[in-house]
N, C-alpha and C. Protein backbone atom coordinates (compact mmCIF):
# COMPACT_ATOMS: atom_id res chain seq x y z
N MET A 1 74.91 -59.13 -5.19
CA MET A 1 74.29 -60.02 -5.83
C MET A 1 74.29 -61.14 -4.69
N PHE A 2 73.28 -61.78 -4.34
CA PHE A 2 73.29 -62.99 -3.83
C PHE A 2 72.76 -64.10 -4.28
N ILE A 3 73.45 -65.21 -4.64
CA ILE A 3 72.80 -66.45 -5.39
C ILE A 3 72.81 -67.59 -4.33
N THR A 4 71.60 -68.37 -4.39
CA THR A 4 71.57 -69.60 -3.74
C THR A 4 70.78 -70.69 -4.82
N THR A 5 71.16 -71.83 -4.50
CA THR A 5 70.46 -72.80 -5.12
C THR A 5 69.09 -73.20 -4.55
N SER A 6 68.74 -72.59 -3.62
CA SER A 6 67.54 -72.84 -2.68
C SER A 6 66.54 -71.64 -2.70
N ALA A 7 65.91 -71.25 -1.81
CA ALA A 7 64.94 -70.11 -2.06
C ALA A 7 65.37 -69.13 -0.89
N PHE A 8 65.06 -68.06 -0.93
CA PHE A 8 65.21 -66.89 0.24
C PHE A 8 64.14 -66.83 1.09
N THR A 9 64.43 -66.63 2.23
CA THR A 9 63.38 -66.28 3.17
C THR A 9 62.39 -65.03 2.97
N ALA A 10 61.29 -64.80 3.47
CA ALA A 10 60.69 -63.59 3.28
C ALA A 10 61.44 -62.52 3.94
N GLN A 11 62.10 -62.69 4.96
CA GLN A 11 62.85 -61.54 5.59
C GLN A 11 64.09 -61.10 4.56
N ALA A 12 64.63 -62.21 4.05
CA ALA A 12 65.78 -61.92 3.02
C ALA A 12 65.18 -61.01 1.77
N VAL A 13 64.15 -61.38 1.26
CA VAL A 13 63.63 -60.71 0.17
C VAL A 13 63.10 -59.21 0.80
N GLU A 14 62.56 -59.06 1.85
CA GLU A 14 62.34 -57.90 2.39
C GLU A 14 63.45 -56.88 2.35
N PHE A 15 64.47 -57.41 3.03
CA PHE A 15 65.64 -56.87 3.35
C PHE A 15 66.39 -56.17 1.69
N ALA A 16 66.36 -57.23 1.17
CA ALA A 16 66.93 -56.86 -0.41
C ALA A 16 66.10 -55.78 -1.01
N ASN A 17 64.64 -55.74 -0.67
CA ASN A 17 63.95 -54.72 -1.53
C ASN A 17 64.22 -53.32 -0.83
N SER A 18 64.81 -53.37 0.37
CA SER A 18 65.23 -52.24 0.98
C SER A 18 66.54 -51.67 0.74
N VAL A 19 67.45 -52.55 0.03
CA VAL A 19 68.54 -51.84 -0.16
C VAL A 19 68.71 -51.68 -1.93
N GLU A 20 69.42 -50.54 -2.19
CA GLU A 20 69.55 -50.24 -3.63
C GLU A 20 70.47 -51.11 -4.11
N ARG A 21 70.06 -51.69 -5.31
CA ARG A 21 71.08 -52.45 -6.28
C ARG A 21 71.44 -53.87 -5.74
N LEU A 22 70.49 -54.20 -4.73
CA LEU A 22 70.71 -55.70 -4.42
C LEU A 22 69.88 -56.66 -5.13
N VAL A 23 70.40 -57.80 -5.70
CA VAL A 23 69.62 -58.55 -6.47
C VAL A 23 69.68 -59.96 -5.81
N LEU A 24 68.79 -60.64 -5.70
CA LEU A 24 68.68 -62.02 -5.18
C LEU A 24 68.28 -62.97 -6.25
N VAL A 25 69.03 -64.01 -6.35
CA VAL A 25 68.89 -64.99 -7.42
C VAL A 25 68.88 -66.25 -6.78
N ASP A 26 67.38 -66.86 -6.80
CA ASP A 26 67.32 -68.15 -6.16
C ASP A 26 67.50 -69.28 -7.16
N GLY A 27 67.46 -70.50 -6.73
CA GLY A 27 67.68 -71.59 -7.68
C GLY A 27 66.80 -71.80 -8.67
N LYS A 28 65.55 -71.30 -8.84
CA LYS A 28 64.93 -71.42 -10.25
C LYS A 28 65.37 -70.29 -11.10
N ARG A 29 65.57 -69.25 -10.48
CA ARG A 29 65.92 -68.19 -11.24
C ARG A 29 67.49 -68.58 -12.01
N LEU A 30 68.22 -69.00 -11.02
CA LEU A 30 69.52 -69.36 -11.56
C LEU A 30 69.60 -70.56 -12.58
N ALA A 31 68.81 -71.51 -12.62
CA ALA A 31 68.37 -72.55 -13.40
C ALA A 31 68.02 -71.79 -14.88
N ASP A 32 67.01 -70.93 -14.66
CA ASP A 32 66.50 -70.33 -15.82
C ASP A 32 67.52 -69.50 -16.66
N LEU A 33 68.52 -68.80 -15.85
CA LEU A 33 69.55 -68.03 -16.47
C LEU A 33 70.44 -68.96 -17.12
N MET A 34 70.89 -70.04 -16.53
CA MET A 34 71.79 -71.13 -17.20
C MET A 34 71.23 -71.55 -18.45
N ILE A 35 69.97 -71.92 -18.41
CA ILE A 35 69.27 -72.40 -19.78
C ILE A 35 69.27 -71.32 -20.73
N ASP A 36 68.81 -70.10 -20.42
CA ASP A 36 68.53 -69.07 -21.35
C ASP A 36 70.01 -68.74 -22.03
N ASN A 37 71.08 -68.79 -21.26
CA ASN A 37 72.44 -68.44 -21.86
C ASN A 37 73.25 -69.60 -22.00
N GLU A 38 72.80 -70.84 -21.98
CA GLU A 38 73.35 -71.94 -22.23
C GLU A 38 74.87 -71.98 -21.54
N VAL A 39 74.72 -71.77 -20.21
CA VAL A 39 76.05 -71.78 -19.44
C VAL A 39 75.70 -73.14 -18.57
N GLY A 40 76.74 -74.01 -18.64
CA GLY A 40 76.77 -75.33 -17.89
C GLY A 40 75.71 -76.24 -18.26
N VAL A 41 74.97 -76.09 -19.32
CA VAL A 41 73.82 -76.92 -19.84
C VAL A 41 73.87 -77.21 -21.37
N THR A 42 73.41 -78.26 -21.90
CA THR A 42 73.44 -78.53 -23.28
C THR A 42 71.93 -78.65 -23.67
N LEU A 43 71.56 -77.81 -24.64
CA LEU A 43 70.24 -77.97 -25.01
C LEU A 43 70.08 -78.94 -26.42
N ARG A 44 68.80 -79.83 -26.11
CA ARG A 44 68.89 -80.70 -27.12
C ARG A 44 67.38 -81.08 -27.41
N PRO A 45 67.11 -81.32 -28.66
CA PRO A 45 65.65 -81.43 -28.98
C PRO A 45 65.03 -82.59 -28.48
N VAL A 46 63.95 -82.57 -28.11
CA VAL A 46 63.12 -83.85 -27.58
C VAL A 46 61.88 -84.19 -28.32
N ARG A 47 61.65 -85.19 -28.70
CA ARG A 47 60.62 -86.02 -29.34
C ARG A 47 59.34 -86.17 -28.60
N VAL A 48 58.27 -85.55 -28.79
CA VAL A 48 57.15 -85.87 -27.97
C VAL A 48 55.96 -86.41 -28.80
N PRO A 49 55.71 -87.87 -28.61
CA PRO A 49 54.74 -88.36 -29.49
C PRO A 49 53.56 -87.83 -29.25
N LYS A 50 52.63 -87.72 -30.43
CA LYS A 50 51.16 -87.44 -30.27
C LYS A 50 50.44 -88.46 -31.01
N LEU A 51 49.35 -88.86 -30.24
CA LEU A 51 48.47 -90.00 -30.70
C LEU A 51 47.68 -89.39 -32.06
N ASP A 52 47.62 -90.05 -32.87
CA ASP A 52 46.98 -89.88 -34.27
C ASP A 52 45.47 -90.43 -33.86
N THR A 53 44.60 -89.76 -33.54
CA THR A 53 43.30 -90.28 -33.39
C THR A 53 42.54 -90.70 -34.55
N ASP A 54 42.65 -89.94 -35.68
CA ASP A 54 42.14 -90.39 -36.86
C ASP A 54 42.31 -91.77 -37.32
N TYR A 55 43.55 -92.42 -37.00
CA TYR A 55 44.04 -93.57 -37.19
C TYR A 55 43.02 -94.72 -36.38
N PHE A 56 42.40 -94.31 -35.44
CA PHE A 56 41.53 -95.31 -34.76
C PHE A 56 40.16 -94.92 -34.85
N ASP A 57 39.81 -94.13 -35.66
CA ASP A 57 38.32 -93.74 -36.05
C ASP A 57 37.56 -94.95 -36.55
N GLU A 58 36.45 -95.37 -36.06
CA GLU A 58 35.72 -96.46 -36.68
C GLU A 58 34.82 -95.79 -37.77
N GLU A 59 34.76 -96.59 -38.80
CA GLU A 59 33.71 -96.40 -39.80
C GLU A 59 32.45 -97.03 -40.20
């Protein structure tokens, strides 16, 4: 397994595909794995306001 916080070159991906059981983990996948498994991160709810358009309807 090779892990980077950046990205792999096309040549690195091609090489990894030619080697059995070699896994590449780039920065995006690493962040996704950390979030999914709650490793080194704290999940918290976020409130996103939504405009109530009915409030502004003219009669």
